[in-house]
Amino acid sequence: MKAIVTVVGQDRVGIIAAVCSKLAEFNVNVLDISQTVMQGYFTMMMATEVSACNVPLAEFARRMDELGVQMGLSIRVQREDIFQSMHRI
C-alpha cells in the first residue's frame, strides 16, 4: 500500500531530515519526493510505501501530525488510492 505525505510550513534547516527520520522509525520507505521553497514557505510531497509500516496507517498519520505540530508544520498522510479515486470520477 502506498501513501502520499505532504509537508507545508515556514522554511528552516532540518525539515527533510526530521520528517525522513520519523518515516524510518515507522519502517516507511520514500519512493519519490518533490520539495521546493516558495516565498519562504517549504513545501514537500512524498510518495511512500507503507505496507511494512510497524503501526496501523491511522496511528502513523496521527504520529506524523504530532511531529508537524511540534515543528510548526502541517504534515498530512493520505492513502494513494484516495488520489486515484478522485481522478476516476
N, C-alpha and C. Protein backbone atom coordinates (compact mmCIF):
# COMPACT_ATOMS: atom_id res chain seq x y z
N MET A 1 0.85 -1.17 0.00
CA MET A 1 0.00 0.00 0.00
C MET A 1 0.89 1.23 0.00
N LYS A 2 0.45 2.25 -0.71
CA LYS A 2 1.20 3.49 -0.80
C LYS A 2 0.41 4.62 -0.17
N ALA A 3 1.15 5.63 0.30
CA ALA A 3 0.53 6.82 0.88
C ALA A 3 1.28 8.05 0.40
N ILE A 4 0.57 9.16 0.35
CA ILE A 4 1.15 10.45 -0.01
C ILE A 4 1.30 11.25 1.28
N VAL A 5 2.52 11.75 1.51
CA VAL A 5 2.80 12.57 2.69
C VAL A 5 3.09 13.98 2.19
N THR A 6 2.36 14.96 2.72
CA THR A 6 2.60 16.35 2.36
C THR A 6 3.05 17.12 3.59
N VAL A 7 3.99 18.04 3.36
CA VAL A 7 4.55 18.86 4.44
C VAL A 7 4.57 20.30 3.97
N VAL A 8 4.01 21.21 4.78
CA VAL A 8 3.99 22.63 4.43
C VAL A 8 4.28 23.43 5.69
N GLY A 9 5.10 24.47 5.55
CA GLY A 9 5.38 25.35 6.68
C GLY A 9 6.49 26.32 6.36
N GLN A 10 6.79 27.20 7.31
CA GLN A 10 7.88 28.13 7.09
C GLN A 10 9.19 27.37 6.95
N ASP A 11 10.00 27.81 5.99
CA ASP A 11 11.26 27.14 5.70
C ASP A 11 12.26 27.32 6.83
N ARG A 12 12.99 26.25 7.13
CA ARG A 12 14.11 26.31 8.06
C ARG A 12 14.95 25.04 7.88
N VAL A 13 16.09 25.04 8.46
CA VAL A 13 17.02 23.91 8.36
C VAL A 13 16.44 22.70 9.10
N GLY A 14 16.56 21.51 8.49
CA GLY A 14 16.27 20.26 9.17
C GLY A 14 14.89 19.66 8.96
N ILE A 15 14.04 20.29 8.14
CA ILE A 15 12.70 19.75 7.95
C ILE A 15 12.75 18.37 7.29
N ILE A 16 13.47 18.27 6.18
CA ILE A 16 13.53 16.98 5.47
C ILE A 16 14.13 15.91 6.37
N ALA A 17 15.20 16.25 7.08
CA ALA A 17 15.86 15.28 7.97
C ALA A 17 14.90 14.78 9.04
N ALA A 18 14.16 15.69 9.67
CA ALA A 18 13.25 15.30 10.74
C ALA A 18 12.12 14.42 10.22
N VAL A 19 11.53 14.80 9.10
CA VAL A 19 10.41 14.04 8.54
C VAL A 19 10.90 12.66 8.09
N CYS A 20 12.02 12.59 7.40
CA CYS A 20 12.51 11.30 6.92
C CYS A 20 12.96 10.40 8.07
N SER A 21 13.52 10.98 9.12
CA SER A 21 13.89 10.18 10.30
C SER A 21 12.65 9.56 10.93
N LYS A 22 11.57 10.33 11.01
CA LYS A 22 10.32 9.82 11.59
C LYS A 22 9.75 8.71 10.70
N LEU A 23 9.81 8.88 9.38
CA LEU A 23 9.35 7.84 8.47
C LEU A 23 10.12 6.55 8.71
N ALA A 24 11.43 6.67 8.89
CA ALA A 24 12.27 5.49 9.11
C ALA A 24 11.90 4.78 10.41
N GLU A 25 11.51 5.54 11.44
CA GLU A 25 11.08 4.94 12.71
C GLU A 25 9.90 3.98 12.49
N PHE A 26 9.05 4.31 11.52
CA PHE A 26 7.86 3.51 11.26
C PHE A 26 8.06 2.51 10.11
N ASN A 27 9.29 2.40 9.64
CA ASN A 27 9.62 1.48 8.54
C ASN A 27 8.88 1.85 7.25
N VAL A 28 8.73 3.14 7.01
CA VAL A 28 8.07 3.66 5.81
C VAL A 28 9.15 4.11 4.83
N ASN A 29 9.07 3.62 3.60
CA ASN A 29 10.06 3.92 2.58
C ASN A 29 9.59 5.05 1.67
N VAL A 30 10.48 5.99 1.36
CA VAL A 30 10.18 7.07 0.42
C VAL A 30 10.46 6.56 -0.99
N LEU A 31 9.43 6.59 -1.84
CA LEU A 31 9.57 6.14 -3.22
C LEU A 31 9.90 7.30 -4.16
N ASP A 32 9.33 8.45 -3.88
CA ASP A 32 9.56 9.64 -4.72
C ASP A 32 9.35 10.86 -3.84
N ILE A 33 10.06 11.92 -4.15
CA ILE A 33 9.98 13.12 -3.32
C ILE A 33 10.13 14.36 -4.20
N SER A 34 9.33 15.37 -3.88
CA SER A 34 9.43 16.65 -4.55
C SER A 34 9.33 17.72 -3.48
N GLN A 35 10.26 18.67 -3.48
CA GLN A 35 10.20 19.72 -2.48
C GLN A 35 10.67 21.02 -3.10
N THR A 36 10.13 22.11 -2.57
CA THR A 36 10.52 23.43 -3.05
C THR A 36 10.27 24.44 -1.93
N VAL A 37 10.85 25.60 -2.10
CA VAL A 37 10.60 26.72 -1.19
C VAL A 37 9.95 27.81 -2.01
N MET A 38 8.76 28.24 -1.57
CA MET A 38 8.00 29.27 -2.28
C MET A 38 7.81 30.45 -1.34
N GLN A 39 8.48 31.56 -1.64
CA GLN A 39 8.36 32.78 -0.86
C GLN A 39 8.52 32.54 0.64
N GLY A 40 9.52 31.74 1.00
CA GLY A 40 9.81 31.48 2.39
C GLY A 40 9.06 30.32 3.00
N TYR A 41 8.18 29.68 2.22
CA TYR A 41 7.43 28.53 2.72
C TYR A 41 7.95 27.25 2.07
N PHE A 42 8.22 26.27 2.91
CA PHE A 42 8.69 24.97 2.47
C PHE A 42 7.49 24.11 2.11
N THR A 43 7.55 23.45 0.96
CA THR A 43 6.50 22.51 0.58
C THR A 43 7.17 21.22 0.10
N MET A 44 6.63 20.09 0.52
CA MET A 44 7.19 18.80 0.12
C MET A 44 6.05 17.81 -0.06
N MET A 45 6.18 16.99 -1.07
CA MET A 45 5.23 15.92 -1.32
C MET A 45 6.04 14.64 -1.55
N MET A 46 5.66 13.59 -0.84
CA MET A 46 6.38 12.32 -0.95
C MET A 46 5.41 11.19 -1.24
N ALA A 47 5.79 10.33 -2.17
CA ALA A 47 5.09 9.06 -2.37
C ALA A 47 5.84 8.05 -1.51
N THR A 48 5.11 7.34 -0.66
CA THR A 48 5.75 6.40 0.27
C THR A 48 5.12 5.02 0.17
N GLU A 49 5.89 4.03 0.56
CA GLU A 49 5.41 2.65 0.65
C GLU A 49 5.17 2.36 2.12
N VAL A 50 3.92 2.09 2.48
CA VAL A 50 3.56 1.89 3.89
C VAL A 50 3.17 0.45 4.22
N SER A 51 3.37 -0.46 3.28
CA SER A 51 3.00 -1.87 3.52
C SER A 51 3.72 -2.46 4.72
N ALA A 52 4.96 -2.05 4.95
CA ALA A 52 5.74 -2.60 6.05
C ALA A 52 5.71 -1.71 7.29
N CYS A 53 4.84 -0.72 7.30
CA CYS A 53 4.72 0.19 8.45
C CYS A 53 4.44 -0.62 9.71
N ASN A 54 5.14 -0.29 10.80
CA ASN A 54 5.02 -1.09 12.02
C ASN A 54 3.88 -0.66 12.95
N VAL A 55 3.02 0.25 12.48
CA VAL A 55 1.80 0.64 13.20
C VAL A 55 0.68 0.76 12.17
N PRO A 56 -0.59 0.72 12.58
CA PRO A 56 -1.68 0.93 11.63
C PRO A 56 -1.58 2.31 10.97
N LEU A 57 -2.09 2.43 9.76
CA LEU A 57 -1.97 3.67 9.00
C LEU A 57 -2.54 4.87 9.76
N ALA A 58 -3.66 4.71 10.43
CA ALA A 58 -4.26 5.82 11.19
C ALA A 58 -3.32 6.29 12.30
N GLU A 59 -2.67 5.36 12.95
CA GLU A 59 -1.69 5.71 14.00
C GLU A 59 -0.50 6.43 13.40
N PHE A 60 -0.01 5.94 12.28
CA PHE A 60 1.11 6.58 11.57
C PHE A 60 0.75 8.01 11.21
N ALA A 61 -0.44 8.21 10.65
CA ALA A 61 -0.89 9.56 10.26
C ALA A 61 -0.97 10.47 11.49
N ARG A 62 -1.48 9.94 12.59
CA ARG A 62 -1.60 10.74 13.81
C ARG A 62 -0.23 11.14 14.34
N ARG A 63 0.70 10.22 14.32
CA ARG A 63 2.05 10.50 14.83
C ARG A 63 2.79 11.49 13.93
N MET A 64 2.56 11.41 12.64
CA MET A 64 3.17 12.40 11.73
C MET A 64 2.56 13.78 11.96
N ASP A 65 1.26 13.82 12.20
CA ASP A 65 0.59 15.08 12.52
C ASP A 65 1.18 15.67 13.80
N GLU A 66 1.44 14.84 14.80
CA GLU A 66 2.05 15.31 16.05
C GLU A 66 3.43 15.91 15.79
N LEU A 67 4.21 15.27 14.92
CA LEU A 67 5.52 15.83 14.56
C LEU A 67 5.34 17.20 13.93
N GLY A 68 4.35 17.31 13.06
CA GLY A 68 4.08 18.60 12.43
C GLY A 68 3.75 19.67 13.44
N VAL A 69 2.93 19.35 14.43
CA VAL A 69 2.57 20.32 15.47
C VAL A 69 3.83 20.75 16.23
N GLN A 70 4.67 19.79 16.58
CA GLN A 70 5.91 20.09 17.31
C GLN A 70 6.83 21.01 16.51
N MET A 71 6.83 20.84 15.18
CA MET A 71 7.74 21.61 14.33
C MET A 71 7.08 22.85 13.72
N GLY A 72 5.81 23.07 13.98
CA GLY A 72 5.13 24.21 13.39
C GLY A 72 4.84 24.02 11.91
N LEU A 73 4.59 22.77 11.53
CA LEU A 73 4.33 22.41 10.13
C LEU A 73 2.96 21.74 10.02
N SER A 74 2.46 21.68 8.81
CA SER A 74 1.30 20.85 8.51
C SER A 74 1.82 19.60 7.82
N ILE A 75 1.62 18.44 8.45
CA ILE A 75 2.03 17.16 7.84
C ILE A 75 0.78 16.30 7.73
N ARG A 76 0.47 15.90 6.49
CA ARG A 76 -0.70 15.05 6.25
C ARG A 76 -0.28 13.76 5.58
N VAL A 77 -0.91 12.68 5.97
CA VAL A 77 -0.70 11.37 5.36
C VAL A 77 -2.03 10.92 4.79
N GLN A 78 -2.05 10.61 3.49
CA GLN A 78 -3.27 10.15 2.83
C GLN A 78 -2.95 8.93 1.97
N ARG A 79 -3.86 7.98 1.99
CA ARG A 79 -3.67 6.79 1.15
C ARG A 79 -3.67 7.19 -0.32
N GLU A 80 -2.80 6.57 -1.08
CA GLU A 80 -2.68 6.89 -2.50
C GLU A 80 -3.98 6.62 -3.25
N ASP A 81 -4.73 5.61 -2.85
CA ASP A 81 -5.95 5.27 -3.59
C ASP A 81 -6.99 6.38 -3.54
N ILE A 82 -6.92 7.27 -2.54
CA ILE A 82 -7.81 8.43 -2.49
C ILE A 82 -7.58 9.30 -3.74
N PHE A 83 -6.32 9.53 -4.07
CA PHE A 83 -5.98 10.35 -5.22
C PHE A 83 -6.38 9.65 -6.53
N GLN A 84 -6.19 8.35 -6.59
CA GLN A 84 -6.57 7.60 -7.77
C GLN A 84 -8.08 7.63 -7.96
N SER A 85 -8.83 7.53 -6.88
CA SER A 85 -10.30 7.58 -6.98
C SER A 85 -10.78 8.92 -7.46
N MET A 86 -10.15 10.01 -7.02
CA MET A 86 -10.56 11.35 -7.45
C MET A 86 -10.41 11.51 -8.96
N HIS A 87 -9.40 10.89 -9.54
CA HIS A 87 -9.18 11.03 -10.97
C HIS A 87 -10.08 10.14 -11.81
N ARG A 88 -10.75 9.17 -11.19
CA ARG A 88 -11.67 8.30 -11.92
C ARG A 88 -13.07 8.87 -12.01
N ILE A 89 -13.38 9.82 -11.15
CA ILE A 89 -14.75 10.40 -11.12
C ILE A 89 -14.98 11.29 -12.31
